[in-house]
Amino acid sequence: MSLSRDAAETVGLQAVAWLAANDELFPVFMGATGASEADFRAGLEDPIFQASVLDFLMMDDAWVMAFCDAQSMGYALVGQARAGLPGGGEVNWT
C-alpha cells in the first residue's frame, strides 16, 4: 500500500514533532546530522527534511516502534511514508 504525498508529509511532520519532544533521541539526531536547532525549525515543513527524520528513525526498530506507538499508527506506515517523500524510491541496500 502506498500513501499519497500529503499523507506521507503528515506522517513526516508527526515524526519531526515527536522527535523534537523526545529528550533522549533529539540530541542523538542533532549530533548525527550536525543540524542546528535553527536548521531543525526551518525544516519542519520541508518534505526532504521530514524524509531525513524518517530515515533516522528507521535506523532502529525501537525508535520506529516508540514513534508509532505514541501516534497510534501501524509500524509499516513509517516506511510507506518514507517511500512517498523525496528520495523514497531510491532504495540502496548495502
PDB file of N, CA and C in Angstrom:
ATOM      1  N   MET A   1       0.842  -1.182   0.000  1.00  0.00           N
ATOM      2  CA  MET A   1       0.000   0.000   0.000  1.00  0.00           C
ATOM      3  C   MET A   1       0.887   1.246   0.000  1.00  0.00           C
ATOM      4  N   SER A   2       0.554   2.208  -0.820  1.00  0.00           N
ATOM      5  CA  SER A   2       1.328   3.447  -0.850  1.00  0.00           C
ATOM      6  C   SER A   2       0.470   4.591  -0.317  1.00  0.00           C
ATOM      7  N   LEU A   3       1.150   5.582   0.198  1.00  0.00           N
ATOM      8  CA  LEU A   3       0.477   6.760   0.729  1.00  0.00           C
ATOM      9  C   LEU A   3       0.537   7.886  -0.284  1.00  0.00           C
ATOM     10  N   SER A   4      -0.444   8.762  -0.229  1.00  0.00           N
ATOM     11  CA  SER A   4      -0.389   9.971  -1.043  1.00  0.00           C
ATOM     12  C   SER A   4       0.734  10.856  -0.509  1.00  0.00           C
ATOM     13  N   ARG A   5       1.167  11.778  -1.305  1.00  0.00           N
ATOM     14  CA  ARG A   5       2.230  12.701  -0.885  1.00  0.00           C
ATOM     15  C   ARG A   5       1.784  13.476   0.354  1.00  0.00           C
ATOM     16  N   ASP A   6       0.530  13.916   0.378  1.00  0.00           N
ATOM     17  CA  ASP A   6       0.033  14.665   1.539  1.00  0.00           C
ATOM     18  C   ASP A   6       0.040  13.805   2.797  1.00  0.00           C
ATOM     19  N   ALA A   7      -0.386  12.560   2.675  1.00  0.00           N
ATOM     20  CA  ALA A   7      -0.395  11.657   3.832  1.00  0.00           C
ATOM     21  C   ALA A   7       1.030  11.375   4.301  1.00  0.00           C
ATOM     22  N   ALA A   8       1.947  11.204   3.359  1.00  0.00           N
ATOM     23  CA  ALA A   8       3.352  10.964   3.713  1.00  0.00           C
ATOM     24  C   ALA A   8       3.929  12.178   4.441  1.00  0.00           C
ATOM     25  N   GLU A   9       3.599  13.373   3.980  1.00  0.00           N
ATOM     26  CA  GLU A   9       4.086  14.583   4.634  1.00  0.00           C
ATOM     27  C   GLU A   9       3.486  14.737   6.021  1.00  0.00           C
ATOM     28  N   THR A  10       2.257  14.313   6.198  1.00  0.00           N
ATOM     29  CA  THR A  10       1.627  14.368   7.521  1.00  0.00           C
ATOM     30  C   THR A  10       2.374  13.468   8.499  1.00  0.00           C
ATOM     31  N   VAL A  11       2.684  12.250   8.073  1.00  0.00           N
ATOM     32  CA  VAL A  11       3.453  11.341   8.922  1.00  0.00           C
ATOM     33  C   VAL A  11       4.839  11.928   9.182  1.00  0.00           C
ATOM     34  N   GLY A  12       5.451  12.505   8.149  1.00  0.00           N
ATOM     35  CA  GLY A  12       6.761  13.127   8.312  1.00  0.00           C
ATOM     36  C   GLY A  12       6.738  14.254   9.329  1.00  0.00           C
ATOM     37  N   LEU A  13       5.725  15.087   9.271  1.00  0.00           N
ATOM     38  CA  LEU A  13       5.598  16.192  10.224  1.00  0.00           C
ATOM     39  C   LEU A  13       5.353  15.663  11.634  1.00  0.00           C
ATOM     40  N   GLN A  14       4.566  14.595  11.751  1.00  0.00           N
ATOM     41  CA  GLN A  14       4.351  13.981  13.066  1.00  0.00           C
ATOM     42  C   GLN A  14       5.667  13.440  13.620  1.00  0.00           C
ATOM     43  N   ALA A  15       6.477  12.865  12.753  1.00  0.00           N
ATOM     44  CA  ALA A  15       7.766  12.328  13.181  1.00  0.00           C
ATOM     45  C   ALA A  15       8.693  13.445  13.643  1.00  0.00           C
ATOM     46  N   VAL A  16       8.701  14.553  12.923  1.00  0.00           N
ATOM     47  CA  VAL A  16       9.538  15.693  13.306  1.00  0.00           C
ATOM     48  C   VAL A  16       9.104  16.215  14.676  1.00  0.00           C
ATOM     49  N   ALA A  17       7.796  16.369  14.873  1.00  0.00           N
ATOM     50  CA  ALA A  17       7.283  16.874  16.152  1.00  0.00           C
ATOM     51  C   ALA A  17       7.600  15.902  17.291  1.00  0.00           C
ATOM     52  N   TRP A  18       7.427  14.607  17.021  1.00  0.00           N
ATOM     53  CA  TRP A  18       7.713  13.598  18.041  1.00  0.00           C
ATOM     54  C   TRP A  18       9.191  13.615  18.409  1.00  0.00           C
ATOM     55  N   LEU A  19      10.051  13.697  17.409  1.00  0.00           N
ATOM     56  CA  LEU A  19      11.487  13.719  17.659  1.00  0.00           C
ATOM     57  C   LEU A  19      11.883  14.949  18.467  1.00  0.00           C
ATOM     58  N   ALA A  20      11.324  16.097  18.130  1.00  0.00           N
ATOM     59  CA  ALA A  20      11.651  17.338  18.841  1.00  0.00           C
ATOM     60  C   ALA A  20      11.275  17.251  20.316  1.00  0.00           C
ATOM     61  N   ALA A  21      10.231  16.495  20.633  1.00  0.00           N
ATOM     62  CA  ALA A  21       9.773  16.364  22.016  1.00  0.00           C
ATOM     63  C   ALA A  21      10.464  15.226  22.767  1.00  0.00           C
ATOM     64  N   ASN A  22      11.279  14.452  22.070  1.00  0.00           N
ATOM     65  CA  ASN A  22      11.935  13.304  22.683  1.00  0.00           C
ATOM     66  C   ASN A  22      13.294  13.740  23.240  1.00  0.00           C
ATOM     67  N   ASP A  23      13.353  13.910  24.556  1.00  0.00           N
ATOM     68  CA  ASP A  23      14.560  14.442  25.198  1.00  0.00           C
ATOM     69  C   ASP A  23      15.782  13.539  25.051  1.00  0.00           C
ATOM     70  N   GLU A  24      15.580  12.245  24.861  1.00  0.00           N
ATOM     71  CA  GLU A  24      16.708  11.333  24.714  1.00  0.00           C
ATOM     72  C   GLU A  24      17.190  11.238  23.268  1.00  0.00           C
ATOM     73  N   LEU A  25      16.256  11.186  22.335  1.00  0.00           N
ATOM     74  CA  LEU A  25      16.615  10.933  20.945  1.00  0.00           C
ATOM     75  C   LEU A  25      16.942  12.201  20.156  1.00  0.00           C
ATOM     76  N   PHE A  26      16.342  13.315  20.524  1.00  0.00           N
ATOM     77  CA  PHE A  26      16.577  14.567  19.799  1.00  0.00           C
ATOM     78  C   PHE A  26      18.074  14.925  19.759  1.00  0.00           C
ATOM     79  N   PRO A  27      18.793  14.874  20.893  1.00  0.00           N
ATOM     80  CA  PRO A  27      20.223  15.191  20.821  1.00  0.00           C
ATOM     81  C   PRO A  27      21.013  14.197  19.969  1.00  0.00           C
ATOM     82  N   VAL A  28      20.568  12.950  19.922  1.00  0.00           N
ATOM     83  CA  VAL A  28      21.242  11.958  19.079  1.00  0.00           C
ATOM     84  C   VAL A  28      21.084  12.357  17.615  1.00  0.00           C
ATOM     85  N   PHE A  29      19.869  12.745  17.223  1.00  0.00           N
ATOM     86  CA  PHE A  29      19.619  13.201  15.850  1.00  0.00           C
ATOM     87  C   PHE A  29      20.469  14.425  15.530  1.00  0.00           C
ATOM     88  N   MET A  30      20.471  15.375  16.434  1.00  0.00           N
ATOM     89  CA  MET A  30      21.223  16.611  16.192  1.00  0.00           C
ATOM     90  C   MET A  30      22.718  16.320  16.051  1.00  0.00           C
ATOM     91  N   GLY A  31      23.236  15.448  16.885  1.00  0.00           N
ATOM     92  CA  GLY A  31      24.650  15.100  16.804  1.00  0.00           C
ATOM     93  C   GLY A  31      24.979  14.310  15.555  1.00  0.00           C
ATOM     94  N   ALA A  32      24.073  13.418  15.162  1.00  0.00           N
ATOM     95  CA  ALA A  32      24.323  12.583  13.982  1.00  0.00           C
ATOM     96  C   ALA A  32      24.258  13.386  12.695  1.00  0.00           C
ATOM     97  N   THR A  33      23.401  14.393  12.663  1.00  0.00           N
ATOM     98  CA  THR A  33      23.212  15.150  11.427  1.00  0.00           C
ATOM     99  C   THR A  33      24.025  16.438  11.376  1.00  0.00           C
ATOM    100  N   GLY A  34      24.413  16.941  12.542  1.00  0.00           N
ATOM    101  CA  GLY A  34      25.103  18.226  12.581  1.00  0.00           C
ATOM    102  C   GLY A  34      24.168  19.400  12.413  1.00  0.00           C
ATOM    103  N   ALA A  35      22.864  19.141  12.448  1.00  0.00           N
ATOM    104  CA  ALA A  35      21.872  20.214  12.303  1.00  0.00           C
ATOM    105  C   ALA A  35      21.846  21.070  13.564  1.00  0.00           C
ATOM    106  N   SER A  36      21.577  22.339  13.367  1.00  0.00           N
ATOM    107  CA  SER A  36      21.378  23.239  14.500  1.00  0.00           C
ATOM    108  C   SER A  36      19.889  23.281  14.814  1.00  0.00           C
ATOM    109  N   GLU A  37      19.543  23.858  15.940  1.00  0.00           N
ATOM    110  CA  GLU A  37      18.121  23.989  16.266  1.00  0.00           C
ATOM    111  C   GLU A  37      17.429  24.886  15.240  1.00  0.00           C
ATOM    112  N   ALA A  38      18.128  25.884  14.715  1.00  0.00           N
ATOM    113  CA  ALA A  38      17.554  26.743  13.677  1.00  0.00           C
ATOM    114  C   ALA A  38      17.290  25.935  12.404  1.00  0.00           C
ATOM    115  N   ASP A  39      18.231  25.058  12.051  1.00  0.00           N
ATOM    116  CA  ASP A  39      18.034  24.175  10.891  1.00  0.00           C
ATOM    117  C   ASP A  39      16.808  23.295  11.106  1.00  0.00           C
ATOM    118  N   PHE A  40      16.693  22.770  12.319  1.00  0.00           N
ATOM    119  CA  PHE A  40      15.576  21.887  12.640  1.00  0.00           C
ATOM    120  C   PHE A  40      14.256  22.633  12.483  1.00  0.00           C
ATOM    121  N   ARG A  41      14.165  23.830  13.047  1.00  0.00           N
ATOM    122  CA  ARG A  41      12.928  24.623  12.940  1.00  0.00           C
ATOM    123  C   ARG A  41      12.632  24.984  11.491  1.00  0.00           C
ATOM    124  N   ALA A  42      13.667  25.318  10.740  1.00  0.00           N
ATOM    125  CA  ALA A  42      13.485  25.703   9.333  1.00  0.00           C
ATOM    126  C   ALA A  42      13.011  24.530   8.483  1.00  0.00           C
ATOM    127  N   GLY A  43      13.338  23.322   8.888  1.00  0.00           N
ATOM    128  CA  GLY A  43      12.986  22.154   8.095  1.00  0.00           C
ATOM    129  C   GLY A  43      11.665  21.511   8.432  1.00  0.00           C
ATOM    130  N   LEU A  44      10.952  22.040   9.393  1.00  0.00           N
ATOM    131  CA  LEU A  44       9.724  21.399   9.865  1.00  0.00           C
ATOM    132  C   LEU A  44       8.779  20.976   8.752  1.00  0.00           C
ATOM    133  N   GLU A  45       8.535  21.855   7.822  1.00  0.00           N
ATOM    134  CA  GLU A  45       7.558  21.544   6.771  1.00  0.00           C
ATOM    135  C   GLU A  45       8.206  21.193   5.445  1.00  0.00           C
ATOM    136  N   ASP A  46       9.499  20.975   5.455  1.00  0.00           N
ATOM    137  CA  ASP A  46      10.226  20.607   4.247  1.00  0.00           C
ATOM    138  C   ASP A  46      10.182  19.085   4.090  1.00  0.00           C
ATOM    139  N   PRO A  47       9.572  18.576   3.001  1.00  0.00           N
ATOM    140  CA  PRO A  47       9.476  17.128   2.816  1.00  0.00           C
ATOM    141  C   PRO A  47      10.833  16.421   2.786  1.00  0.00           C
ATOM    142  N   ILE A  48      11.866  17.098   2.330  1.00  0.00           N
ATOM    143  CA  ILE A  48      13.193  16.491   2.312  1.00  0.00           C
ATOM    144  C   ILE A  48      13.708  16.329   3.745  1.00  0.00           C
ATOM    145  N   PHE A  49      13.479  17.327   4.576  1.00  0.00           N
ATOM    146  CA  PHE A  49      13.877  17.232   5.980  1.00  0.00           C
ATOM    147  C   PHE A  49      13.055  16.162   6.697  1.00  0.00           C
ATOM    148  N   GLN A  50      11.766  16.123   6.433  1.00  0.00           N
ATOM    149  CA  GLN A  50      10.915  15.091   7.027  1.00  0.00           C
ATOM    150  C   GLN A  50      11.421  13.700   6.643  1.00  0.00           C
ATOM    151  N   ALA A  51      11.831  13.550   5.391  1.00  0.00           N
ATOM    152  CA  ALA A  51      12.370  12.275   4.933  1.00  0.00           C
ATOM    153  C   ALA A  51      13.625  11.913   5.711  1.00  0.00           C
ATOM    154  N   SER A  52      14.468  12.910   6.001  1.00  0.00           N
ATOM    155  CA  SER A  52      15.691  12.630   6.752  1.00  0.00           C
ATOM    156  C   SER A  52      15.366  12.186   8.173  1.00  0.00           C
ATOM    157  N   VAL A  53      14.327  12.751   8.755  1.00  0.00           N
ATOM    158  CA  VAL A  53      13.907  12.329  10.093  1.00  0.00           C
ATOM    159  C   VAL A  53      13.393  10.894  10.051  1.00  0.00           C
ATOM    160  N   LEU A  54      12.599  10.562   9.042  1.00  0.00           N
ATOM    161  CA  LEU A  54      12.115   9.184   8.915  1.00  0.00           C
ATOM    162  C   LEU A  54      13.278   8.225   8.676  1.00  0.00           C
ATOM    163  N   ASP A  55      14.235   8.620   7.846  1.00  0.00           N
ATOM    164  CA  ASP A  55      15.429   7.789   7.628  1.00  0.00           C
ATOM    165  C   ASP A  55      16.144   7.533   8.957  1.00  0.00           C
ATOM    166  N   PHE A  56      16.275   8.573   9.753  1.00  0.00           N
ATOM    167  CA  PHE A  56      16.929   8.445  11.052  1.00  0.00           C
ATOM    168  C   PHE A  56      16.160   7.481  11.948  1.00  0.00           C
ATOM    169  N   LEU A  57      14.851   7.652  12.041  1.00  0.00           N
ATOM    170  CA  LEU A  57      14.049   6.772  12.890  1.00  0.00           C
ATOM    171  C   LEU A  57      14.151   5.321  12.449  1.00  0.00           C
ATOM    172  N   MET A  58      14.221   5.103  11.140  1.00  0.00           N
ATOM    173  CA  MET A  58      14.249   3.739  10.630  1.00  0.00           C
ATOM    174  C   MET A  58      15.601   3.058  10.844  1.00  0.00           C
ATOM    175  N   MET A  59      16.545   3.762  11.427  1.00  0.00           N
ATOM    176  CA  MET A  59      17.827   3.145  11.758  1.00  0.00           C
ATOM    177  C   MET A  59      17.689   2.162  12.925  1.00  0.00           C
ATOM    178  N   ASP A  60      16.615   2.291  13.695  1.00  0.00           N
ATOM    179  CA  ASP A  60      16.444   1.433  14.871  1.00  0.00           C
ATOM    180  C   ASP A  60      14.964   1.075  15.014  1.00  0.00           C
ATOM    181  N   ASP A  61      14.676  -0.214  15.014  1.00  0.00           N
ATOM    182  CA  ASP A  61      13.287  -0.659  15.140  1.00  0.00           C
ATOM    183  C   ASP A  61      12.623  -0.118  16.397  1.00  0.00           C
ATOM    184  N   ALA A  62      13.378   0.006  17.476  1.00  0.00           N
ATOM    185  CA  ALA A  62      12.815   0.511  18.731  1.00  0.00           C
ATOM    186  C   ALA A  62      12.335   1.952  18.574  1.00  0.00           C
ATOM    187  N   TRP A  63      13.059   2.736  17.779  1.00  0.00           N
ATOM    188  CA  TRP A  63      12.650   4.124  17.547  1.00  0.00           C
ATOM    189  C   TRP A  63      11.367   4.174  16.726  1.00  0.00           C
ATOM    190  N   VAL A  64      11.287   3.344  15.706  1.00  0.00           N
ATOM    191  CA  VAL A  64      10.065   3.273  14.890  1.00  0.00           C
ATOM    192  C   VAL A  64       8.893   2.871  15.765  1.00  0.00           C
ATOM    193  N   MET A  65       9.090   1.855  16.576  1.00  0.00           N
ATOM    194  CA  MET A  65       8.016   1.369  17.425  1.00  0.00           C
ATOM    195  C   MET A  65       7.577   2.431  18.434  1.00  0.00           C
ATOM    196  N   ALA A  66       8.524   3.130  19.032  1.00  0.00           N
ATOM    197  CA  ALA A  66       8.184   4.172  20.002  1.00  0.00           C
ATOM    198  C   ALA A  66       7.386   5.291  19.342  1.00  0.00           C
ATOM    199  N   PHE A  67       7.829   5.727  18.164  1.00  0.00           N
ATOM    200  CA  PHE A  67       7.103   6.774  17.436  1.00  0.00           C
ATOM    201  C   PHE A  67       5.702   6.309  17.070  1.00  0.00           C
ATOM    202  N   CYS A  68       5.605   5.133  16.482  1.00  0.00           N
ATOM    203  CA  CYS A  68       4.299   4.626  16.034  1.00  0.00           C
ATOM    204  C   CYS A  68       3.361   4.383  17.205  1.00  0.00           C
ATOM    205  N   ASP A  69       3.890   3.850  18.292  1.00  0.00           N
ATOM    206  CA  ASP A  69       3.058   3.634  19.475  1.00  0.00           C
ATOM    207  C   ASP A  69       2.530   4.958  20.010  1.00  0.00           C
ATOM    208  N   ALA A  70       3.369   5.984  20.019  1.00  0.00           N
ATOM    209  CA  ALA A  70       2.943   7.306  20.501  1.00  0.00           C
ATOM    210  C   ALA A  70       1.874   7.916  19.601  1.00  0.00           C
ATOM    211  N   GLN A  71       1.920   7.585  18.306  1.00  0.00           N
ATOM    212  CA  GLN A  71       0.975   8.147  17.345  1.00  0.00           C
ATOM    213  C   GLN A  71      -0.207   7.213  17.074  1.00  0.00           C
ATOM    214  N   SER A  72      -0.190   6.041  17.693  1.00  0.00           N
ATOM    215  CA  SER A  72      -1.229   5.018  17.468  1.00  0.00           C
ATOM    216  C   SER A  72      -1.358   4.679  15.987  1.00  0.00           C
ATOM    217  N   MET A  73      -0.218   4.395  15.376  1.00  0.00           N
ATOM    218  CA  MET A  73      -0.213   4.023  13.959  1.00  0.00           C
ATOM    219  C   MET A  73       0.559   2.720  13.783  1.00  0.00           C
ATOM    220  N   GLY A  74       0.286   2.048  12.699  1.00  0.00           N
ATOM    221  CA  GLY A  74       0.976   0.805  12.398  1.00  0.00           C
ATOM    222  C   GLY A  74       2.433   1.058  12.063  1.00  0.00           C
ATOM    223  N   TYR A  75       3.279   0.095  12.422  1.00  0.00           N
ATOM    224  CA  TYR A  75       4.717   0.254  12.222  1.00  0.00           C
ATOM    225  C   TYR A  75       5.092   0.405  10.750  1.00  0.00           C
ATOM    226  N   ALA A  76       4.375  -0.243   9.870  1.00  0.00           N
ATOM    227  CA  ALA A  76       4.700  -0.187   8.443  1.00  0.00           C
ATOM    228  C   ALA A  76       4.457   1.195   7.840  1.00  0.00           C
ATOM    229  N   LEU A  77       3.680   2.007   8.511  1.00  0.00           N
ATOM    230  CA  LEU A  77       3.342   3.333   7.980  1.00  0.00           C
ATOM    231  C   LEU A  77       4.576   4.222   7.833  1.00  0.00           C
ATOM    232  N   VAL A  78       5.569   4.027   8.685  1.00  0.00           N
ATOM    233  CA  VAL A  78       6.790   4.841   8.590  1.00  0.00           C
ATOM    234  C   VAL A  78       7.485   4.588   7.257  1.00  0.00           C
ATOM    235  N   GLY A  79       7.658   3.341   6.900  1.00  0.00           N
ATOM    236  CA  GLY A  79       8.286   3.013   5.622  1.00  0.00           C
ATOM    237  C   GLY A  79       7.460   3.464   4.436  1.00  0.00           C
ATOM    238  N   GLN A  80       6.150   3.349   4.552  1.00  0.00           N
ATOM    239  CA  GLN A  80       5.269   3.794   3.476  1.00  0.00           C
ATOM    240  C   GLN A  80       5.354   5.302   3.314  1.00  0.00           C
ATOM    241  N   ALA A  81       5.404   6.019   4.429  1.00  0.00           N
ATOM    242  CA  ALA A  81       5.534   7.480   4.357  1.00  0.00           C
ATOM    243  C   ALA A  81       6.878   7.856   3.754  1.00  0.00           C
ATOM    244  N   ARG A  82       7.921   7.153   4.166  1.00  0.00           N
ATOM    245  CA  ARG A  82       9.258   7.467   3.624  1.00  0.00           C
ATOM    246  C   ARG A  82       9.283   7.261   2.127  1.00  0.00           C
ATOM    247  N   ALA A  83       8.617   6.219   1.648  1.00  0.00           N
ATOM    248  CA  ALA A  83       8.578   5.945   0.207  1.00  0.00           C
ATOM    249  C   ALA A  83       7.837   7.046  -0.549  1.00  0.00           C
ATOM    250  N   GLY A  84       6.927   7.747   0.128  1.00  0.00           N
ATOM    251  CA  GLY A  84       6.148   8.799  -0.515  1.00  0.00           C
ATOM    252  C   GLY A  84       6.799  10.167  -0.492  1.00  0.00           C
ATOM    253  N   LEU A  85       7.947  10.272   0.159  1.00  0.00           N
ATOM    254  CA  LEU A  85       8.654  11.549   0.236  1.00  0.00           C
ATOM    255  C   LEU A  85       9.841  11.545  -0.722  1.00  0.00           C
ATOM    256  N   PRO A  86      10.424  12.706  -1.001  1.00  0.00           N
ATOM    257  CA  PRO A  86      11.539  12.771  -1.943  1.00  0.00           C
ATOM    258  C   PRO A  86      12.649  11.783  -1.602  1.00  0.00           C
ATOM    259  N   GLY A  87      13.106  11.065  -2.623  1.00  0.00           N
ATOM    260  CA  GLY A  87      14.165  10.088  -2.462  1.00  0.00           C
ATOM    261  C   GLY A  87      13.690   8.737  -1.973  1.00  0.00           C
ATOM    262  N   GLY A  88      12.410   8.610  -1.716  1.00  0.00           N
ATOM    263  CA  GLY A  88      11.877   7.367  -1.183  1.00  0.00           C
ATOM    264  C   GLY A  88      11.922   6.203  -2.141  1.00  0.00           C
ATOM    265  N   GLY A  89      11.971   6.486  -3.413  1.00  0.00           N
ATOM    266  CA  GLY A  89      12.033   5.414  -4.399  1.00  0.00           C
ATOM    267  C   GLY A  89      13.440   4.948  -4.680  1.00  0.00           C
ATOM    268  N   GLU A  90      14.422   5.606  -4.078  1.00  0.00           N
ATOM    269  CA  GLU A  90      15.816   5.306  -4.324  1.00  0.00           C
ATOM    270  C   GLU A  90      16.398   4.476  -3.190  1.00  0.00           C
ATOM    271  N   VAL A  91      15.973   3.233  -3.098  1.00  0.00           N
ATOM    272  CA  VAL A  91      16.438   2.363  -2.009  1.00  0.00           C
ATOM    273  C   VAL A  91      17.808   1.803  -2.370  1.00  0.00           C
ATOM    274  N   ASN A  92      18.749   1.942  -1.454  1.00  0.00           N
ATOM    275  CA  ASN A  92      20.100   1.405  -1.603  1.00  0.00           C
ATOM    276  C   ASN A  92      20.355   0.430  -0.481  1.00  0.00           C
ATOM    277  N   TRP A  93      20.510  -0.825  -0.815  1.00  0.00           N
ATOM    278  CA  TRP A  93      20.831  -1.829   0.201  1.00  0.00           C
ATOM    279  C   TRP A  93      22.311  -2.130   0.089  1.00  0.00           C
ATOM    280  N   THR A  94      23.028  -1.897   1.151  1.00  0.00           N
ATOM    281  CA  THR A  94      24.461  -2.176   1.151  1.00  0.00           C
ATOM    282  C   THR A  94      24.825  -3.127   2.250  1.00  0.00           C
TER     283      THR A  94
END
